[in-house]
Protein backbone atom coordinates (compact mmCIF):
# COMPACT_ATOMS: atom_id res chain seq x y z
CA UNK A 1 0.00 0.00 0.00
CA UNK A 2 1.47 3.31 -1.04
CA UNK A 3 1.10 5.98 1.66
CA UNK A 4 -0.19 9.30 0.38
CA UNK A 5 0.76 12.16 2.68
CA UNK A 6 1.65 15.69 1.74
CA UNK A 7 2.05 17.43 -1.54
CA UNK A 8 2.95 15.33 -4.61
CA UNK A 9 2.02 12.08 -2.83
CA UNK A 10 -0.12 10.91 -5.75
CA UNK A 11 2.77 11.39 -8.17
CA UNK A 12 5.67 9.01 -8.69
CA UNK A 13 8.53 9.52 -6.23
CA UNK A 14 10.46 12.72 -6.89
CA UNK A 15 14.01 12.57 -8.16
CA UNK A 16 16.76 14.46 -6.33
CA UNK A 17 16.67 17.13 -9.06
CA UNK A 18 12.91 17.56 -8.57
CA UNK A 19 13.35 17.65 -4.78
CA UNK A 20 16.06 20.30 -5.16
CA UNK A 21 13.76 22.35 -7.39
CA UNK A 22 10.93 22.20 -4.82
CA UNK A 23 13.30 23.15 -2.00
CA UNK A 24 14.59 26.05 -4.11
CA UNK A 25 11.02 27.19 -4.70
CA UNK A 26 10.29 27.08 -0.94
CA UNK A 27 13.50 28.94 -0.08
CA UNK A 28 12.71 31.58 -2.73
CA UNK A 29 9.47 32.22 -0.83
CA UNK A 30 11.38 32.63 2.42
CA UNK A 31 10.20 29.32 3.87
CA UNK A 32 12.89 27.57 5.91
CA UNK A 33 12.98 23.80 5.50
CA UNK A 34 13.15 20.97 8.02
CA UNK A 35 13.67 17.23 7.56
CA UNK A 36 11.66 14.68 9.53
CA UNK A 37 11.46 10.87 9.58
CA UNK A 38 9.24 8.14 11.06
CA UNK A 39 8.55 4.43 10.96
CA UNK A 40 4.89 5.01 11.92
CA UNK A 41 3.16 6.93 9.13
CA UNK A 42 -0.30 6.71 10.75
CA UNK A 43 -2.41 9.61 9.47
CA UNK A 44 -2.79 10.97 13.02
CA UNK A 45 0.93 10.76 13.71
CA UNK A 46 1.68 14.34 12.72
CA UNK A 47 4.73 14.68 14.95
CA UNK A 48 7.56 12.85 13.22
CA UNK A 49 11.12 12.75 14.55
CA UNK A 50 13.08 15.84 13.55
CA UNK A 51 16.36 15.42 11.75
CA UNK A 52 18.25 18.24 13.42
CA UNK A 53 16.87 21.72 13.75
CA UNK A 54 14.92 23.56 11.05
CA UNK A 55 17.35 25.24 8.68
CA UNK A 56 16.29 28.86 9.19
CA UNK A 57 19.41 30.52 7.78
CA UNK A 58 20.05 28.15 4.90
CA UNK A 59 19.48 29.66 1.44
CA UNK A 60 21.08 26.96 -0.73
CA UNK A 61 18.90 23.95 -1.68
CA UNK A 62 22.05 21.81 -1.83
CA UNK A 63 22.42 22.16 1.95
CA UNK A 64 18.88 20.88 2.54
CA UNK A 65 19.47 18.01 0.10
CA UNK A 66 22.66 17.12 2.02
CA UNK A 67 20.59 16.84 5.22
CA UNK A 68 18.00 14.72 3.38
CA UNK A 69 20.73 12.39 2.14
CA UNK A 70 22.21 12.11 5.64
CA UNK A 71 18.78 11.26 7.06
CA UNK A 72 18.24 8.70 4.28
CA UNK A 73 21.57 7.02 5.11
CA UNK A 74 20.78 6.90 8.83
CA UNK A 75 17.18 5.72 8.36
CA UNK A 76 17.13 3.80 5.06
CA UNK A 77 13.80 2.06 5.75
CA UNK A 78 11.84 4.97 7.21
CA UNK A 79 9.61 7.60 5.71
CA UNK A 80 11.45 10.90 5.29
CA UNK A 81 9.74 14.17 4.50
CA UNK A 82 10.62 17.81 4.01
CA UNK A 83 8.55 20.56 5.59
CA UNK A 84 8.76 24.20 4.53
CA UNK A 85 7.51 26.62 7.15
CA UNK A 86 5.87 29.92 6.31
CA UNK A 87 6.58 32.17 9.31
CA UNK A 88 4.84 35.25 7.89
CA UNK A 89 2.35 37.02 10.11
CA UNK A 90 -1.09 35.53 9.68
CA UNK A 91 0.20 32.24 8.21
CA UNK A 92 2.72 30.70 10.63
CA UNK A 93 2.17 27.18 9.38
CA UNK A 94 3.72 24.43 7.30
CA UNK A 95 3.21 25.67 3.77
CA UNK A 96 4.74 22.74 1.90
CA UNK A 97 5.35 19.15 2.98
CA UNK A 98 6.32 16.20 0.84
CA UNK A 99 7.85 12.74 1.14
CA UNK A 100 11.38 12.24 -0.12
CA UNK A 101 11.82 8.59 0.90
CA UNK A 102 9.68 5.55 1.57
CA UNK A 103 10.63 2.15 3.00
CA UNK A 104 11.20 -0.54 0.39
CA UNK A 105 8.01 -2.26 1.54
CA UNK A 106 4.94 -0.40 2.83
CA UNK A 107 2.72 -2.82 4.78
CA UNK A 108 -0.32 -0.54 4.86
CA UNK A 109 -3.31 -0.31 7.20
CA UNK A 110 -6.46 -2.15 8.11
CA UNK A 111 -9.76 -0.78 9.38
CA UNK A 112 -10.91 -2.30 12.69
CA UNK A 113 -14.60 -2.17 13.46
CA UNK A 114 -15.93 -2.13 17.04
CA UNK A 115 -19.54 -2.16 18.12
CA UNK A 116 -20.37 -0.12 21.23
CA UNK A 117 -23.42 0.68 23.32
CA UNK A 118 -26.63 1.79 21.64
CA UNK A 119 -25.57 -0.02 18.47
CA UNK A 120 -22.89 2.57 17.75
CA UNK A 121 -20.12 1.42 15.49
CA UNK A 122 -16.63 2.86 15.74
CA UNK A 123 -13.69 2.41 13.41
CA UNK A 124 -9.97 2.52 14.06
CA UNK A 125 -7.15 2.66 11.53
CA UNK A 126 -4.49 0.08 12.44
CA UNK A 127 -1.06 0.37 10.76
CA UNK A 128 0.51 -3.04 10.22
CA UNK A 129 3.93 -1.47 10.74
CA UNK A 130 3.18 -0.89 14.44
CA UNK A 131 2.83 -4.62 15.09
CA UNK A 132 6.60 -4.60 15.60
CA UNK A 133 8.40 -2.34 18.11
CA UNK A 134 9.60 1.07 17.03
CA UNK A 135 12.98 0.83 15.32
CA UNK A 136 12.28 -2.74 14.12
CA UNK A 137 9.28 -2.10 11.90
CA UNK A 138 11.16 -2.24 8.63
CA UNK A 139 14.19 -4.38 7.89
CA UNK A 140 17.35 -2.28 7.77
CA UNK A 141 20.00 -3.26 5.29
CA UNK A 142 23.47 -2.33 6.51
CA UNK A 143 24.36 -0.56 9.71
CA UNK A 144 25.00 3.05 10.53
CA UNK A 145 27.84 4.89 12.05
CA UNK A 146 28.20 8.31 13.60
CA UNK A 147 25.29 10.66 14.04
CA UNK A 148 24.32 10.59 10.36
CA UNK A 149 24.37 14.39 10.04
CA UNK A 150 25.76 15.79 6.84
CA UNK A 151 29.14 17.41 7.08
CA UNK A 152 29.27 21.05 5.99
């Protein structure tokens, strides 16, 4: 099952050149970028792990792509996304968010049905990935060394 979250999620995966172009577009609008990753892409899991701090003073898309690549190396079987934050008065929100990496296999979700009092029926989305403990949800090929941050 292919997870669809964020902008461009219905398109084929972006190439590094396309990612760089989108980052450049966000930076041209004054939106600093941040890189996040997770192994639990549940739709209500909006708080992913941050890969370092948001890059407020970075104006070169190559620097953001270097952080994306470092995050990809450290977490090769996680979802990785880029967020661009619009800090302008009245907006102050994530203005652009898109996936830049997916695990090699996406197990998907199931819908659990539960009947309650007064014949009410409730539904819960259950991600198959969470049946294993965090950090062991996707097989990792190869190890990692260091902190994984890109060197500048």
